[in-house]
Amino acid sequence: MKPELFDTENIKKNGPPQELISCVNAFLMARTLATLETEKVDAIKLNIITTADYWPDKADCEKYGDDYAPIKDIKHSYRMRDDEFISYISDVRKALENAGYEIKDIPGEGYHSYFCPALTKQHLQTECEWLLIEAGARMIGYENPKDMNGELLCLTSNGKSGIENRRAFIDLLCGLVINWPGYKNPLTGEEVTA
């Protein structure tokens, strides 16, 4: 498609291009799926980390002035000793399997190396973000749409980081589509009204 097809007057007259609408729908569904899956997996992780003791590296605690105590926050699991982290992640896998998840192994690795359901869904969301950014770049006539994601990440302006600018571009594209008259929710098929 040629960029001139997506000029401002064309968008005002015909609405956002179908490619952009499809990418927004895919992104919104992937984001919802990633959010829900992360909440479920984090609840399982939290149950495990609060009911068992997984220890940090003592030298790291001394180096950074931290108390040498079991890790009780899933966001701090990276601070566990290697052997403790392997035990923790193996315990998480067992709990996920007991909860009904079918866990895929990473080929050639041990029981503790697997594709986490939440991270898999988060990666799907990221892939949808890439497609959405490329579709938005094509819509505005950007010369190299595949480069737009990297350009946004490198762009710092008005005190905002590249990540904030990338998020703002995604939000802008989603806002253009979902606020357009006649937009239909991809899950219900119902028209969205303000």
C-alpha atoms as a PDB file:
ATOM      1  CA  MET A   1       0.000   0.000   0.000  1.00  0.00           C
ATOM      2  CA  LYS A   2       1.130   3.495  -0.737  1.00  0.00           C
ATOM      3  CA  PRO A   3       1.389   5.987   2.145  1.00  0.00           C
ATOM      4  CA  GLU A   4      -0.680   8.574   0.245  1.00  0.00           C
ATOM      5  CA  LEU A   5      -3.711   6.321   0.743  1.00  0.00           C
ATOM      6  CA  PHE A   6      -3.521   7.142   4.450  1.00  0.00           C
ATOM      7  CA  ASP A   7      -3.423  10.917   4.337  1.00  0.00           C
ATOM      8  CA  THR A   8      -5.384  12.923   6.905  1.00  0.00           C
ATOM      9  CA  GLU A   9      -8.283  13.647   4.557  1.00  0.00           C
ATOM     10  CA  ASN A  10      -8.602   9.957   3.678  1.00  0.00           C
ATOM     11  CA  ILE A  11      -8.672   9.010   7.374  1.00  0.00           C
ATOM     12  CA  LYS A  12     -11.279  11.712   8.106  1.00  0.00           C
ATOM     13  CA  LYS A  13     -13.422  10.446   5.246  1.00  0.00           C
ATOM     14  CA  ASN A  14     -12.945   6.656   5.552  1.00  0.00           C
ATOM     15  CA  GLY A  15     -11.712   6.124   9.110  1.00  0.00           C
ATOM     16  CA  PRO A  16      -8.598   4.268  10.202  1.00  0.00           C
ATOM     17  CA  PRO A  17      -7.264   1.662   7.756  1.00  0.00           C
ATOM     18  CA  GLN A  18      -8.437  -1.926   8.272  1.00  0.00           C
ATOM     19  CA  GLU A  19      -4.852  -3.032   8.948  1.00  0.00           C
ATOM     20  CA  LEU A  20      -4.678  -0.665  11.911  1.00  0.00           C
ATOM     21  CA  ILE A  21      -8.089  -1.744  13.209  1.00  0.00           C
ATOM     22  CA  SER A  22      -7.044  -5.412  13.027  1.00  0.00           C
ATOM     23  CA  CYS A  23      -3.757  -4.693  14.806  1.00  0.00           C
ATOM     24  CA  VAL A  24      -5.508  -2.733  17.569  1.00  0.00           C
ATOM     25  CA  ASN A  25      -7.987  -5.589  18.055  1.00  0.00           C
ATOM     26  CA  ALA A  26      -5.171  -8.158  18.212  1.00  0.00           C
ATOM     27  CA  PHE A  27      -3.215  -6.000  20.657  1.00  0.00           C
ATOM     28  CA  LEU A  28      -6.207  -5.418  22.952  1.00  0.00           C
ATOM     29  CA  MET A  29      -7.014  -9.129  23.071  1.00  0.00           C
ATOM     30  CA  ALA A  30      -3.352 -10.103  23.622  1.00  0.00           C
ATOM     31  CA  ARG A  31      -2.981  -7.508  26.390  1.00  0.00           C
ATOM     32  CA  THR A  32      -6.096  -8.802  28.134  1.00  0.00           C
ATOM     33  CA  LEU A  33      -4.880 -12.389  27.842  1.00  0.00           C
ATOM     34  CA  ALA A  34      -1.411 -11.463  29.147  1.00  0.00           C
ATOM     35  CA  THR A  35      -2.884  -9.543  32.095  1.00  0.00           C
ATOM     36  CA  LEU A  36      -5.201 -12.382  33.123  1.00  0.00           C
ATOM     37  CA  GLU A  37      -2.544 -15.069  32.690  1.00  0.00           C
ATOM     38  CA  THR A  38       0.027 -13.051  34.650  1.00  0.00           C
ATOM     39  CA  GLU A  39      -2.422 -12.587  37.531  1.00  0.00           C
ATOM     40  CA  LYS A  40      -3.062 -16.353  37.711  1.00  0.00           C
ATOM     41  CA  VAL A  41       0.613 -17.319  37.490  1.00  0.00           C
ATOM     42  CA  ASP A  42       1.676 -14.622  39.966  1.00  0.00           C
ATOM     43  CA  ALA A  43      -0.884 -15.918  42.475  1.00  0.00           C
ATOM     44  CA  ILE A  44       0.654 -19.392  42.183  1.00  0.00           C
ATOM     45  CA  LYS A  45       4.178 -17.971  42.536  1.00  0.00           C
ATOM     46  CA  LEU A  46       3.153 -15.884  45.532  1.00  0.00           C
ATOM     47  CA  ASN A  47       1.672 -18.910  47.270  1.00  0.00           C
ATOM     48  CA  ILE A  48       4.922 -20.832  46.769  1.00  0.00           C
ATOM     49  CA  ILE A  49       7.325 -18.058  47.741  1.00  0.00           C
ATOM     50  CA  THR A  50       5.418 -17.217  50.933  1.00  0.00           C
ATOM     51  CA  THR A  51       5.089 -20.821  52.120  1.00  0.00           C
ATOM     52  CA  ALA A  52       8.683 -21.935  51.571  1.00  0.00           C
ATOM     53  CA  ASP A  53      12.105 -20.429  52.176  1.00  0.00           C
ATOM     54  CA  TYR A  54      14.309 -19.564  49.202  1.00  0.00           C
ATOM     55  CA  TRP A  55      17.562 -17.890  50.158  1.00  0.00           C
ATOM     56  CA  PRO A  56      19.559 -15.096  48.546  1.00  0.00           C
ATOM     57  CA  ASP A  57      23.304 -15.139  48.073  1.00  0.00           C
ATOM     58  CA  LYS A  58      24.839 -14.141  51.425  1.00  0.00           C
ATOM     59  CA  ALA A  59      27.710 -12.236  49.798  1.00  0.00           C
ATOM     60  CA  ASP A  60      25.245 -10.150  47.782  1.00  0.00           C
ATOM     61  CA  CYS A  61      23.325  -9.288  50.940  1.00  0.00           C
ATOM     62  CA  GLU A  62      26.512  -8.120  52.624  1.00  0.00           C
ATOM     63  CA  LYS A  63      27.616  -6.206  49.513  1.00  0.00           C
ATOM     64  CA  TYR A  64      24.326  -4.282  49.250  1.00  0.00           C
ATOM     65  CA  GLY A  65      23.608  -4.011  52.972  1.00  0.00           C
ATOM     66  CA  ASP A  66      20.515  -6.227  52.856  1.00  0.00           C
ATOM     67  CA  ASP A  67      19.342  -8.570  55.585  1.00  0.00           C
ATOM     68  CA  TYR A  68      20.160 -12.212  54.993  1.00  0.00           C
ATOM     69  CA  ALA A  69      16.618 -13.559  55.019  1.00  0.00           C
ATOM     70  CA  PRO A  70      14.440 -15.716  52.756  1.00  0.00           C
ATOM     71  CA  ILE A  71      13.040 -14.020  49.663  1.00  0.00           C
ATOM     72  CA  LYS A  72       9.287 -13.484  50.102  1.00  0.00           C
ATOM     73  CA  ASP A  73       8.486 -11.237  47.121  1.00  0.00           C
ATOM     74  CA  ILE A  74       8.163 -12.747  43.632  1.00  0.00           C
ATOM     75  CA  LYS A  75       9.660  -9.577  42.151  1.00  0.00           C
ATOM     76  CA  HIS A  76      12.864 -10.332  44.057  1.00  0.00           C
ATOM     77  CA  SER A  77      13.234 -13.948  42.947  1.00  0.00           C
ATOM     78  CA  TYR A  78      16.205 -12.873  40.791  1.00  0.00           C
ATOM     79  CA  ARG A  79      18.135 -12.356  44.048  1.00  0.00           C
ATOM     80  CA  MET A  80      17.983 -16.046  44.983  1.00  0.00           C
ATOM     81  CA  ARG A  81      21.084 -18.183  44.901  1.00  0.00           C
ATOM     82  CA  ASP A  82      21.215 -20.232  41.701  1.00  0.00           C
ATOM     83  CA  ASP A  83      20.393 -23.508  43.451  1.00  0.00           C
ATOM     84  CA  GLU A  84      17.523 -21.857  45.352  1.00  0.00           C
ATOM     85  CA  PHE A  85      16.136 -20.323  42.147  1.00  0.00           C
ATOM     86  CA  ILE A  86      16.187 -23.721  40.420  1.00  0.00           C
ATOM     87  CA  SER A  87      14.237 -25.181  43.359  1.00  0.00           C
ATOM     88  CA  TYR A  88      11.784 -22.270  43.328  1.00  0.00           C
ATOM     89  CA  ILE A  89      11.145 -22.373  39.580  1.00  0.00           C
ATOM     90  CA  SER A  90      10.764 -26.171  39.719  1.00  0.00           C
ATOM     91  CA  ASP A  91       8.234 -25.793  42.535  1.00  0.00           C
ATOM     92  CA  VAL A  92       6.382 -23.198  40.446  1.00  0.00           C
ATOM     93  CA  ARG A  93       6.284 -25.625  37.530  1.00  0.00           C
ATOM     94  CA  LYS A  94       4.847 -28.388  39.720  1.00  0.00           C
ATOM     95  CA  ALA A  95       2.165 -26.016  41.000  1.00  0.00           C
ATOM     96  CA  LEU A  96       1.325 -24.863  37.467  1.00  0.00           C
ATOM     97  CA  GLU A  97       0.975 -28.472  36.320  1.00  0.00           C
ATOM     98  CA  ASN A  98      -1.207 -29.250  39.356  1.00  0.00           C
ATOM     99  CA  ALA A  99      -3.366 -26.261  38.400  1.00  0.00           C
ATOM    100  CA  GLY A 100      -3.952 -27.816  34.974  1.00  0.00           C
ATOM    101  CA  TYR A 101      -1.371 -26.020  32.859  1.00  0.00           C
ATOM    102  CA  GLU A 102       0.347 -27.990  30.109  1.00  0.00           C
ATOM    103  CA  ILE A 103       3.935 -26.858  30.385  1.00  0.00           C
ATOM    104  CA  LYS A 104       6.276 -26.922  27.391  1.00  0.00           C
ATOM    105  CA  ASP A 105       9.914 -27.760  28.021  1.00  0.00           C
ATOM    106  CA  ILE A 106      12.789 -25.789  26.588  1.00  0.00           C
ATOM    107  CA  PRO A 107      14.532 -28.444  24.446  1.00  0.00           C
ATOM    108  CA  GLY A 108      17.776 -29.743  25.900  1.00  0.00           C
ATOM    109  CA  GLU A 109      17.273 -28.160  29.320  1.00  0.00           C
ATOM    110  CA  GLY A 110      16.258 -29.578  32.693  1.00  0.00           C
ATOM    111  CA  TYR A 111      12.894 -29.716  34.463  1.00  0.00           C
ATOM    112  CA  HIS A 112      13.384 -26.158  35.729  1.00  0.00           C
ATOM    113  CA  SER A 113      13.627 -24.725  32.180  1.00  0.00           C
ATOM    114  CA  TYR A 114      10.219 -24.296  30.596  1.00  0.00           C
ATOM    115  CA  PHE A 115       8.018 -21.797  28.850  1.00  0.00           C
ATOM    116  CA  CYS A 116       6.127 -19.917  31.555  1.00  0.00           C
ATOM    117  CA  PRO A 117       2.471 -19.458  30.521  1.00  0.00           C
ATOM    118  CA  ALA A 118       2.461 -15.810  31.645  1.00  0.00           C
ATOM    119  CA  LEU A 119       5.689 -14.930  29.843  1.00  0.00           C
ATOM    120  CA  THR A 120       4.434 -16.664  26.698  1.00  0.00           C
ATOM    121  CA  LYS A 121       1.298 -14.496  26.744  1.00  0.00           C
ATOM    122  CA  GLN A 122       3.349 -11.360  27.484  1.00  0.00           C
ATOM    123  CA  HIS A 123       5.520 -12.150  24.460  1.00  0.00           C
ATOM    124  CA  LEU A 124       2.390 -12.490  22.321  1.00  0.00           C
ATOM    125  CA  GLN A 125       1.374  -9.006  23.499  1.00  0.00           C
ATOM    126  CA  THR A 126       4.815  -7.658  22.547  1.00  0.00           C
ATOM    127  CA  GLU A 127       4.540  -9.187  19.076  1.00  0.00           C
ATOM    128  CA  CYS A 128       1.125  -7.533  18.661  1.00  0.00           C
ATOM    129  CA  GLU A 129       2.655  -4.215  19.761  1.00  0.00           C
ATOM    130  CA  TRP A 130       5.312  -4.558  17.024  1.00  0.00           C
ATOM    131  CA  LEU A 131       2.610  -5.183  14.401  1.00  0.00           C
ATOM    132  CA  LEU A 132       0.533  -2.263  15.681  1.00  0.00           C
ATOM    133  CA  ILE A 133       3.508   0.115  15.580  1.00  0.00           C
ATOM    134  CA  GLU A 134       4.357  -1.002  12.034  1.00  0.00           C
ATOM    135  CA  ALA A 135       0.741  -0.512  10.912  1.00  0.00           C
ATOM    136  CA  GLY A 136       0.718   2.954  12.485  1.00  0.00           C
ATOM    137  CA  ALA A 137       4.006   3.791  10.786  1.00  0.00           C
ATOM    138  CA  ARG A 138       2.585   2.749   7.406  1.00  0.00           C
ATOM    139  CA  MET A 139      -0.532   4.807   8.055  1.00  0.00           C
ATOM    140  CA  ILE A 140       1.493   7.990   8.611  1.00  0.00           C
ATOM    141  CA  GLY A 141       3.766   7.231   5.661  1.00  0.00           C
ATOM    142  CA  TYR A 142       6.903   6.421   7.662  1.00  0.00           C
ATOM    143  CA  GLU A 143       9.607   5.332   5.247  1.00  0.00           C
ATOM    144  CA  ASN A 144      10.722   2.161   7.076  1.00  0.00           C
ATOM    145  CA  PRO A 145       7.790   0.865   9.181  1.00  0.00           C
ATOM    146  CA  LYS A 146       9.794  -2.079  10.588  1.00  0.00           C
ATOM    147  CA  ASP A 147      12.263   0.419  12.086  1.00  0.00           C
ATOM    148  CA  MET A 148       9.593   2.444  13.904  1.00  0.00           C
ATOM    149  CA  ASN A 149       9.669   0.364  17.113  1.00  0.00           C
ATOM    150  CA  GLY A 150      13.417   0.896  17.515  1.00  0.00           C
ATOM    151  CA  GLU A 151      13.102   4.568  16.592  1.00  0.00           C
ATOM    152  CA  LEU A 152      10.474   5.090  19.270  1.00  0.00           C
ATOM    153  CA  LEU A 153      12.592   3.313  21.887  1.00  0.00           C
ATOM    154  CA  CYS A 154      15.538   5.583  21.062  1.00  0.00           C
ATOM    155  CA  LEU A 155      13.437   8.748  21.036  1.00  0.00           C
ATOM    156  CA  THR A 156      13.581  10.859  24.165  1.00  0.00           C
ATOM    157  CA  SER A 157      11.608  14.081  24.210  1.00  0.00           C
ATOM    158  CA  ASN A 158       9.914  16.399  26.680  1.00  0.00           C
ATOM    159  CA  GLY A 159      11.537  14.519  29.543  1.00  0.00           C
ATOM    160  CA  LYS A 160      10.001  11.209  28.418  1.00  0.00           C
ATOM    161  CA  SER A 161      11.961   8.041  27.892  1.00  0.00           C
ATOM    162  CA  GLY A 162      11.845   6.010  24.690  1.00  0.00           C
ATOM    163  CA  ILE A 163       9.651   3.428  26.423  1.00  0.00           C
ATOM    164  CA  GLU A 164       7.187   6.157  27.444  1.00  0.00           C
ATOM    165  CA  ASN A 165       7.123   7.516  23.879  1.00  0.00           C
ATOM    166  CA  ARG A 166       6.566   4.009  22.500  1.00  0.00           C
ATOM    167  CA  ARG A 167       3.683   3.494  24.938  1.00  0.00           C
ATOM    168  CA  ALA A 168       2.226   6.898  23.999  1.00  0.00           C
ATOM    169  CA  PHE A 169       2.314   5.972  20.286  1.00  0.00           C
ATOM    170  CA  ILE A 170       0.516   2.690  20.998  1.00  0.00           C
ATOM    171  CA  ASP A 171      -2.057   4.530  23.132  1.00  0.00           C
ATOM    172  CA  LEU A 172      -2.555   7.117  20.380  1.00  0.00           C
ATOM    173  CA  LEU A 173      -3.165   4.421  17.746  1.00  0.00           C
ATOM    174  CA  CYS A 174      -5.570   2.530  20.023  1.00  0.00           C
ATOM    175  CA  GLY A 175      -7.393   5.755  20.861  1.00  0.00           C
ATOM    176  CA  LEU A 176      -7.783   6.626  17.180  1.00  0.00           C
ATOM    177  CA  VAL A 177      -9.379   3.252  16.460  1.00  0.00           C
ATOM    178  CA  ILE A 178     -11.552   2.637  19.519  1.00  0.00           C
ATOM    179  CA  ASN A 179     -12.914   6.188  19.601  1.00  0.00           C
ATOM    180  CA  TRP A 180     -13.838   6.154  15.913  1.00  0.00           C
ATOM    181  CA  PRO A 181     -17.623   6.106  15.382  1.00  0.00           C
ATOM    182  CA  GLY A 182     -18.813   2.596  14.597  1.00  0.00           C
ATOM    183  CA  TYR A 183     -15.876   0.766  16.215  1.00  0.00           C
ATOM    184  CA  LYS A 184     -16.950  -2.668  17.442  1.00  0.00           C
ATOM    185  CA  ASN A 185     -15.508  -4.522  20.408  1.00  0.00           C
ATOM    186  CA  PRO A 186     -13.561  -7.491  18.970  1.00  0.00           C
ATOM    187  CA  LEU A 187     -14.824  -9.846  21.670  1.00  0.00           C
ATOM    188  CA  THR A 188     -18.520  -8.966  21.719  1.00  0.00           C
ATOM    189  CA  GLY A 189     -19.031  -7.476  18.260  1.00  0.00           C
ATOM    190  CA  GLU A 190     -20.951  -4.650  19.899  1.00  0.00           C
ATOM    191  CA  GLU A 191     -20.411  -1.051  18.896  1.00  0.00           C
ATOM    192  CA  VAL A 192     -18.430   0.954  21.438  1.00  0.00           C
ATOM    193  CA  THR A 193     -20.087   4.178  22.510  1.00  0.00           C
ATOM    194  CA  ALA A 194     -18.617   6.980  24.584  1.00  0.00           C
END
